[in-house]
Amino acid sequence: GTNIADSVKGRFTISRDNAKNVVFLQMNSLKP
């Protein structure tokens, strides 16, 4: 389950690899 801040919703995606204990944040359409 995920919870995304309104300021980045639709642009950022969070995911994780449980086997490797790694979390990712894909950031698209970045703004200043």
PDB file of all heavy atoms in Angstrom:
ATOM      1  N   GLY A   1       0.815  -1.194   0.000  1.00  0.00           N
ATOM      2  CA  GLY A   1       0.000   0.000   0.000  1.00  0.00           C
ATOM      3  C   GLY A   1       0.853   1.251   0.000  1.00  0.00           C
ATOM      4  O   GLY A   1       1.932   1.282   0.588  1.00  0.00           O
ATOM      5  N   THR A   2       0.375   2.293  -0.654  1.00  0.00           N
ATOM      6  CA  THR A   2       1.161   3.519  -0.790  1.00  0.00           C
ATOM      7  C   THR A   2       0.369   4.742  -0.364  1.00  0.00           C
ATOM      8  O   THR A   2      -0.865   4.752  -0.382  1.00  0.00           O
ATOM      9  CB  THR A   2       1.649   3.727  -2.229  1.00  0.00           C
ATOM     10  OG1 THR A   2       0.514   3.856  -3.101  1.00  0.00           O
ATOM     11  CG2 THR A   2       2.499   2.558  -2.685  1.00  0.00           C
ATOM     12  N   ASN A   3       1.105   5.774   0.022  1.00  0.00           N
ATOM     13  CA  ASN A   3       0.545   7.072   0.327  1.00  0.00           C
ATOM     14  C   ASN A   3       1.456   8.117  -0.302  1.00  0.00           C
ATOM     15  O   ASN A   3       2.645   8.169   0.019  1.00  0.00           O
ATOM     16  CB  ASN A   3       0.423   7.297   1.833  1.00  0.00           C
ATOM     17  CG  ASN A   3      -0.274   8.589   2.176  1.00  0.00           C
ATOM     18  OD1 ASN A   3      -1.074   9.099   1.402  1.00  0.00           O
ATOM     19  ND2 ASN A   3       0.011   9.125   3.359  1.00  0.00           N
ATOM     20  N   ILE A   4       0.905   8.922  -1.188  1.00  0.00           N
ATOM     21  CA  ILE A   4       1.676   9.890  -1.949  1.00  0.00           C
ATOM     22  C   ILE A   4       1.198  11.291  -1.606  1.00  0.00           C
ATOM     23  O   ILE A   4      -0.008  11.551  -1.559  1.00  0.00           O
ATOM     24  CB  ILE A   4       1.537   9.658  -3.470  1.00  0.00           C
ATOM     25  CG1 ILE A   4       1.762   8.179  -3.816  1.00  0.00           C
ATOM     26  CG2 ILE A   4       2.501  10.545  -4.232  1.00  0.00           C
ATOM     27  CD1 ILE A   4       3.145   7.680  -3.509  1.00  0.00           C
ATOM     28  N   ALA A   5       2.145  12.195  -1.400  1.00  0.00           N
ATOM     29  CA  ALA A   5       1.799  13.577  -1.113  1.00  0.00           C
ATOM     30  C   ALA A   5       1.116  14.217  -2.315  1.00  0.00           C
ATOM     31  O   ALA A   5       1.449  13.927  -3.468  1.00  0.00           O
ATOM     32  CB  ALA A   5       3.039  14.371  -0.736  1.00  0.00           C
ATOM     33  N   ASP A   6       0.157  15.107  -2.045  1.00  0.00           N
ATOM     34  CA  ASP A   6      -0.578  15.763  -3.125  1.00  0.00           C
ATOM     35  C   ASP A   6       0.337  16.541  -4.057  1.00  0.00           C
ATOM     36  O   ASP A   6       0.077  16.626  -5.263  1.00  0.00           O
ATOM     37  CB  ASP A   6      -1.637  16.694  -2.551  1.00  0.00           C
ATOM     38  CG  ASP A   6      -2.783  15.951  -1.893  1.00  0.00           C
ATOM     39  OD1 ASP A   6      -2.980  14.758  -2.196  1.00  0.00           O
ATOM     40  OD2 ASP A   6      -3.486  16.564  -1.068  1.00  0.00           O
ATOM     41  N   SER A   7       1.404  17.096  -3.518  1.00  0.00           N
ATOM     42  CA  SER A   7       2.292  17.920  -4.312  1.00  0.00           C
ATOM     43  C   SER A   7       3.049  17.140  -5.380  1.00  0.00           C
ATOM     44  O   SER A   7       3.537  17.736  -6.351  1.00  0.00           O
ATOM     45  CB  SER A   7       3.289  18.652  -3.410  1.00  0.00           C
ATOM     46  OG  SER A   7       4.072  17.734  -2.669  1.00  0.00           O
ATOM     47  N   VAL A   8       3.157  15.829  -5.218  1.00  0.00           N
ATOM     48  CA  VAL A   8       3.904  15.013  -6.174  1.00  0.00           C
ATOM     49  C   VAL A   8       3.047  13.932  -6.808  1.00  0.00           C
ATOM     50  O   VAL A   8       3.536  13.189  -7.671  1.00  0.00           O
ATOM     51  CB  VAL A   8       5.144  14.369  -5.521  1.00  0.00           C
ATOM     52  CG1 VAL A   8       6.045  15.438  -4.926  1.00  0.00           C
ATOM     53  CG2 VAL A   8       4.737  13.364  -4.455  1.00  0.00           C
ATOM     54  N   LYS A   9       1.796  13.844  -6.414  1.00  0.00           N
ATOM     55  CA  LYS A   9       0.913  12.809  -6.938  1.00  0.00           C
ATOM     56  C   LYS A   9       0.776  12.942  -8.450  1.00  0.00           C
ATOM     57  O   LYS A   9       0.580  14.029  -8.977  1.00  0.00           O
ATOM     58  CB  LYS A   9      -0.445  12.897  -6.262  1.00  0.00           C
ATOM     59  CG  LYS A   9      -1.348  11.690  -6.490  1.00  0.00           C
ATOM     60  CD  LYS A   9      -2.604  11.775  -5.618  1.00  0.00           C
ATOM     61  CE  LYS A   9      -2.247  11.754  -4.147  1.00  0.00           C
ATOM     62  NZ  LYS A   9      -3.454  11.778  -3.274  1.00  0.00           N
ATOM     63  N   GLY A  10       0.889  11.810  -9.118  1.00  0.00           N
ATOM     64  CA  GLY A  10       0.836  11.801 -10.571  1.00  0.00           C
ATOM     65  C   GLY A  10       2.183  11.958 -11.234  1.00  0.00           C
ATOM     66  O   GLY A  10       2.304  11.705 -12.436  1.00  0.00           O
ATOM     67  N   ARG A  11       3.184  12.380 -10.477  1.00  0.00           N
ATOM     68  CA  ARG A  11       4.528  12.558 -11.011  1.00  0.00           C
ATOM     69  C   ARG A  11       5.537  11.601 -10.391  1.00  0.00           C
ATOM     70  O   ARG A  11       6.468  11.151 -11.063  1.00  0.00           O
ATOM     71  CB  ARG A  11       5.009  13.994 -10.792  1.00  0.00           C
ATOM     72  CG  ARG A  11       4.133  15.042 -11.459  1.00  0.00           C
ATOM     73  CD  ARG A  11       4.730  16.437 -11.338  1.00  0.00           C
ATOM     74  NE  ARG A  11       4.815  16.880  -9.936  1.00  0.00           N
ATOM     75  CZ  ARG A  11       5.952  17.165  -9.310  1.00  0.00           C
ATOM     76  NH1 ARG A  11       7.108  17.060  -9.943  1.00  0.00           N
ATOM     77  NH2 ARG A  11       5.938  17.571  -8.043  1.00  0.00           N
ATOM     78  N   PHE A  12       5.359  11.287  -9.110  1.00  0.00           N
ATOM     79  CA  PHE A  12       6.281  10.410  -8.399  1.00  0.00           C
ATOM     80  C   PHE A  12       5.633   9.057  -8.158  1.00  0.00           C
ATOM     81  O   PHE A  12       4.426   8.966  -7.912  1.00  0.00           O
ATOM     82  CB  PHE A  12       6.677  11.001  -7.045  1.00  0.00           C
ATOM     83  CG  PHE A  12       7.551  12.220  -7.107  1.00  0.00           C
ATOM     84  CD1 PHE A  12       7.774  12.900  -8.294  1.00  0.00           C
ATOM     85  CD2 PHE A  12       8.155  12.690  -5.951  1.00  0.00           C
ATOM     86  CE1 PHE A  12       8.574  14.028  -8.349  1.00  0.00           C
ATOM     87  CE2 PHE A  12       8.959  13.811  -5.987  1.00  0.00           C
ATOM     88  CZ  PHE A  12       9.171  14.486  -7.177  1.00  0.00           C
ATOM     89  N   THR A  13       6.441   8.017  -8.185  1.00  0.00           N
ATOM     90  CA  THR A  13       5.987   6.670  -7.902  1.00  0.00           C
ATOM     91  C   THR A  13       6.954   6.004  -6.929  1.00  0.00           C
ATOM     92  O   THR A  13       8.168   6.070  -7.122  1.00  0.00           O
ATOM     93  CB  THR A  13       5.892   5.823  -9.180  1.00  0.00           C
ATOM     94  OG1 THR A  13       4.997   6.444 -10.110  1.00  0.00           O
ATOM     95  CG2 THR A  13       5.369   4.425  -8.859  1.00  0.00           C
ATOM     96  N   ILE A  14       6.408   5.372  -5.895  1.00  0.00           N
ATOM     97  CA  ILE A  14       7.234   4.665  -4.933  1.00  0.00           C
ATOM     98  C   ILE A  14       7.034   3.164  -5.117  1.00  0.00           C
ATOM     99  O   ILE A  14       5.926   2.700  -5.385  1.00  0.00           O
ATOM    100  CB  ILE A  14       6.919   5.090  -3.487  1.00  0.00           C
ATOM    101  CG1 ILE A  14       7.934   4.491  -2.517  1.00  0.00           C
ATOM    102  CG2 ILE A  14       5.492   4.722  -3.098  1.00  0.00           C
ATOM    103  CD1 ILE A  14       7.850   5.067  -1.116  1.00  0.00           C
ATOM    104  N   SER A  15       8.105   2.418  -4.975  1.00  0.00           N
ATOM    105  CA  SER A  15       8.051   0.967  -5.069  1.00  0.00           C
ATOM    106  C   SER A  15       9.137   0.379  -4.182  1.00  0.00           C
ATOM    107  O   SER A  15      10.014   1.101  -3.704  1.00  0.00           O
ATOM    108  CB  SER A  15       8.210   0.493  -6.518  1.00  0.00           C
ATOM    109  OG  SER A  15       9.465   0.891  -7.038  1.00  0.00           O
ATOM    110  N   ARG A  16       9.078  -0.916  -3.959  1.00  0.00           N
ATOM    111  CA  ARG A  16      10.079  -1.552  -3.120  1.00  0.00           C
ATOM    112  C   ARG A  16      10.369  -2.963  -3.587  1.00  0.00           C
ATOM    113  O   ARG A  16       9.530  -3.625  -4.210  1.00  0.00           O
ATOM    114  CB  ARG A  16       9.635  -1.562  -1.650  1.00  0.00           C
ATOM    115  CG  ARG A  16       8.409  -2.412  -1.363  1.00  0.00           C
ATOM    116  CD  ARG A  16       7.922  -2.245   0.067  1.00  0.00           C
ATOM    117  NE  ARG A  16       8.863  -2.764   1.050  1.00  0.00           N
ATOM    118  CZ  ARG A  16       8.689  -2.699   2.368  1.00  0.00           C
ATOM    119  NH1 ARG A  16       7.604  -2.109   2.859  1.00  0.00           N
ATOM    120  NH2 ARG A  16       9.593  -3.202   3.194  1.00  0.00           N
ATOM    121  N   ASP A  17      11.564  -3.406  -3.270  1.00  0.00           N
ATOM    122  CA  ASP A  17      11.989  -4.770  -3.498  1.00  0.00           C
ATOM    123  C   ASP A  17      12.219  -5.373  -2.127  1.00  0.00           C
ATOM    124  O   ASP A  17      13.255  -5.146  -1.504  1.00  0.00           O
ATOM    125  CB  ASP A  17      13.263  -4.811  -4.347  1.00  0.00           C
ATOM    126  CG  ASP A  17      13.690  -6.219  -4.696  1.00  0.00           C
ATOM    127  OD1 ASP A  17      13.293  -7.170  -4.007  1.00  0.00           O
ATOM    128  OD2 ASP A  17      14.443  -6.376  -5.683  1.00  0.00           O
ATOM    129  N   ASN A  18      11.251  -6.121  -1.647  1.00  0.00           N
ATOM    130  CA  ASN A  18      11.330  -6.662  -0.293  1.00  0.00           C
ATOM    131  C   ASN A  18      12.486  -7.632  -0.117  1.00  0.00           C
ATOM    132  O   ASN A  18      13.090  -7.702   0.953  1.00  0.00           O
ATOM    133  CB  ASN A  18      10.014  -7.354   0.071  1.00  0.00           C
ATOM    134  CG  ASN A  18       8.872  -6.385   0.256  1.00  0.00           C
ATOM    135  OD1 ASN A  18       9.072  -5.244   0.680  1.00  0.00           O
ATOM    136  ND2 ASN A  18       7.658  -6.836  -0.046  1.00  0.00           N
ATOM    137  N   ALA A  19      12.787  -8.392  -1.149  1.00  0.00           N
ATOM    138  CA  ALA A  19      13.863  -9.368  -1.058  1.00  0.00           C
ATOM    139  C   ALA A  19      15.210  -8.700  -0.841  1.00  0.00           C
ATOM    140  O   ALA A  19      16.094  -9.264  -0.196  1.00  0.00           O
ATOM    141  CB  ALA A  19      13.891 -10.243  -2.304  1.00  0.00           C
ATOM    142  N   LYS A  20      15.379  -7.509  -1.390  1.00  0.00           N
ATOM    143  CA  LYS A  20      16.649  -6.796  -1.282  1.00  0.00           C
ATOM    144  C   LYS A  20      16.612  -5.660  -0.267  1.00  0.00           C
ATOM    145  O   LYS A  20      17.615  -4.970  -0.089  1.00  0.00           O
ATOM    146  CB  LYS A  20      17.056  -6.249  -2.643  1.00  0.00           C
ATOM    147  CG  LYS A  20      17.290  -7.320  -3.699  1.00  0.00           C
ATOM    148  CD  LYS A  20      17.703  -6.711  -5.021  1.00  0.00           C
ATOM    149  CE  LYS A  20      17.970  -7.778  -6.068  1.00  0.00           C
ATOM    150  NZ  LYS A  20      18.372  -7.194  -7.368  1.00  0.00           N
ATOM    151  N   ASN A  21      15.465  -5.440   0.371  1.00  0.00           N
ATOM    152  CA  ASN A  21      15.303  -4.343   1.327  1.00  0.00           C
ATOM    153  C   ASN A  21      15.656  -2.999   0.705  1.00  0.00           C
ATOM    154  O   ASN A  21      16.400  -2.198   1.279  1.00  0.00           O
ATOM    155  CB  ASN A  21      16.147  -4.586   2.583  1.00  0.00           C
ATOM    156  CG  ASN A  21      15.650  -5.754   3.407  1.00  0.00           C
ATOM    157  OD1 ASN A  21      14.459  -6.071   3.410  1.00  0.00           O
ATOM    158  ND2 ASN A  21      16.557  -6.397   4.130  1.00  0.00           N
ATOM    159  N   VAL A  22      15.104  -2.767  -0.457  1.00  0.00           N
ATOM    160  CA  VAL A  22      15.361  -1.537  -1.200  1.00  0.00           C
ATOM    161  C   VAL A  22      14.037  -0.866  -1.535  1.00  0.00           C
ATOM    162  O   VAL A  22      13.070  -1.533  -1.921  1.00  0.00           O
ATOM    163  CB  VAL A  22      16.149  -1.817  -2.492  1.00  0.00           C
ATOM    164  CG1 VAL A  22      16.322  -0.541  -3.302  1.00  0.00           C
ATOM    165  CG2 VAL A  22      17.511  -2.411  -2.166  1.00  0.00           C
ATOM    166  N   VAL A  23      13.997   0.447  -1.396  1.00  0.00           N
ATOM    167  CA  VAL A  23      12.849   1.241  -1.804  1.00  0.00           C
ATOM    168  C   VAL A  23      13.297   2.222  -2.880  1.00  0.00           C
ATOM    169  O   VAL A  23      14.419   2.740  -2.837  1.00  0.00           O
ATOM    170  CB  VAL A  23      12.211   1.980  -0.611  1.00  0.00           C
ATOM    171  CG1 VAL A  23      13.177   2.993  -0.004  1.00  0.00           C
ATOM    172  CG2 VAL A  23      10.918   2.664  -1.030  1.00  0.00           C
ATOM    173  N   PHE A  24      12.422   2.457  -3.852  1.00  0.00           N
ATOM    174  CA  PHE A  24      12.723   3.340  -4.958  1.00  0.00           C
ATOM    175  C   PHE A  24      11.737   4.497  -4.989  1.00  0.00           C
ATOM    176  O   PHE A  24      10.593   4.380  -4.557  1.00  0.00           O
ATOM    177  CB  PHE A  24      12.641   2.593  -6.293  1.00  0.00           C
ATOM    178  CG  PHE A  24      13.505   1.365  -6.368  1.00  0.00           C
ATOM    179  CD1 PHE A  24      12.971   0.113  -6.116  1.00  0.00           C
ATOM    180  CD2 PHE A  24      14.841   1.462  -6.696  1.00  0.00           C
ATOM    181  CE1 PHE A  24      13.750  -1.027  -6.187  1.00  0.00           C
ATOM    182  CE2 PHE A  24      15.640   0.336  -6.770  1.00  0.00           C
ATOM    183  CZ  PHE A  24      15.098  -0.905  -6.518  1.00  0.00           C
ATOM    184  N   LEU A  25      12.185   5.605  -5.522  1.00  0.00           N
ATOM    185  CA  LEU A  25      11.319   6.739  -5.791  1.00  0.00           C
ATOM    186  C   LEU A  25      11.599   7.213  -7.206  1.00  0.00           C
ATOM    187  O   LEU A  25      12.649   7.800  -7.470  1.00  0.00           O
ATOM    188  CB  LEU A  25      11.547   7.874  -4.793  1.00  0.00           C
ATOM    189  CG  LEU A  25      10.599   9.070  -4.933  1.00  0.00           C
ATOM    190  CD1 LEU A  25       9.173   8.666  -4.549  1.00  0.00           C
ATOM    191  CD2 LEU A  25      11.070  10.240  -4.081  1.00  0.00           C
ATOM    192  N   GLN A  26      10.670   6.931  -8.103  1.00  0.00           N
ATOM    193  CA  GLN A  26      10.772   7.392  -9.477  1.00  0.00           C
ATOM    194  C   GLN A  26      10.139   8.766  -9.571  1.00  0.00           C
ATOM    195  O   GLN A  26       8.946   8.921  -9.299  1.00  0.00           O
ATOM    196  CB  GLN A  26      10.082   6.420 -10.433  1.00  0.00           C
ATOM    197  CG  GLN A  26      10.119   6.834 -11.891  1.00  0.00           C
ATOM    198  CD  GLN A  26      11.513   6.848 -12.471  1.00  0.00           C
ATOM    199  OE1 GLN A  26      12.276   5.895 -12.283  1.00  0.00           O
ATOM    200  NE2 GLN A  26      11.880   7.924 -13.155  1.00  0.00           N
ATOM    201  N   MET A  27      10.919   9.760  -9.947  1.00  0.00           N
ATOM    202  CA  MET A  27      10.473  11.138 -10.000  1.00  0.00           C
ATOM    203  C   MET A  27      10.466  11.613 -11.445  1.00  0.00           C
ATOM    204  O   MET A  27      11.525  11.693 -12.081  1.00  0.00           O
ATOM    205  CB  MET A  27      11.366  12.038  -9.145  1.00  0.00           C
ATOM    206  CG  MET A  27      11.485  11.588  -7.695  1.00  0.00           C
ATOM    207  SD  MET A  27      12.471  12.735  -6.679  1.00  0.00           S
ATOM    208  CE  MET A  27      14.074  12.511  -7.448  1.00  0.00           C
ATOM    209  N   ASN A  28       9.293  11.924 -11.952  1.00  0.00           N
ATOM    210  CA  ASN A  28       9.124  12.413 -13.310  1.00  0.00           C
ATOM    211  C   ASN A  28       8.562  13.832 -13.296  1.00  0.00           C
ATOM    212  O   ASN A  28       8.010  14.286 -12.297  1.00  0.00           O
ATOM    213  CB  ASN A  28       8.188  11.495 -14.101  1.00  0.00           C
ATOM    214  CG  ASN A  28       8.700  10.081 -14.222  1.00  0.00           C
ATOM    215  OD1 ASN A  28       9.903   9.849 -14.353  1.00  0.00           O
ATOM    216  ND2 ASN A  28       7.780   9.115 -14.195  1.00  0.00           N
ATOM    217  N   SER A  29       8.707  14.510 -14.415  1.00  0.00           N
ATOM    218  CA  SER A  29       8.195  15.874 -14.558  1.00  0.00           C
ATOM    219  C   SER A  29       8.628  16.756 -13.397  1.00  0.00           C
ATOM    220  O   SER A  29       7.819  17.466 -12.791  1.00  0.00           O
ATOM    221  CB  SER A  29       6.668  15.856 -14.679  1.00  0.00           C
ATOM    222  OG  SER A  29       6.250  15.077 -15.782  1.00  0.00           O
ATOM    223  N   LEU A  30       9.896  16.732 -13.104  1.00  0.00           N
ATOM    224  CA  LEU A  30      10.414  17.455 -11.949  1.00  0.00           C
ATOM    225  C   LEU A  30      10.281  18.961 -12.118  1.00  0.00           C
ATOM    226  O   LEU A  30      10.434  19.493 -13.218  1.00  0.00           O
ATOM    227  CB  LEU A  30      11.867  17.083 -11.702  1.00  0.00           C
ATOM    228  CG  LEU A  30      12.063  15.710 -11.051  1.00  0.00           C
ATOM    229  CD1 LEU A  30      13.488  15.218 -11.235  1.00  0.00           C
ATOM    230  CD2 LEU A  30      11.713  15.781  -9.567  1.00  0.00           C
ATOM    231  N   LYS A  31      10.001  19.625 -11.006  1.00  0.00           N
ATOM    232  CA  LYS A  31       9.827  21.059 -10.955  1.00  0.00           C
ATOM    233  C   LYS A  31      10.874  21.673 -10.029  1.00  0.00           C
ATOM    234  O   LYS A  31      11.397  20.994  -9.149  1.00  0.00           O
ATOM    235  CB  LYS A  31       8.432  21.411 -10.433  1.00  0.00           C
ATOM    236  CG  LYS A  31       7.288  20.783 -11.202  1.00  0.00           C
ATOM    237  CD  LYS A  31       5.960  21.093 -10.525  1.00  0.00           C
ATOM    238  CE  LYS A  31       4.799  20.462 -11.252  1.00  0.00           C
ATOM    239  NZ  LYS A  31       3.502  20.753 -10.580  1.00  0.00           N
ATOM    240  N   PRO A  32      11.173  22.960 -10.196  1.00  0.00           N
ATOM    241  CA  PRO A  32      12.105  23.610  -9.263  1.00  0.00           C
ATOM    242  C   PRO A  32      11.684  23.486  -7.807  1.00  0.00           C
ATOM    243  O   PRO A  32      12.549  23.394  -6.925  1.00  0.00           O
ATOM    244  CB  PRO A  32      12.093  25.070  -9.726  1.00  0.00           C
ATOM    245  CG  PRO A  32      11.807  24.985 -11.186  1.00  0.00           C
ATOM    246  CD  PRO A  32      10.828  23.845 -11.328  1.00  0.00           C
TER     247      PRO A  32
END
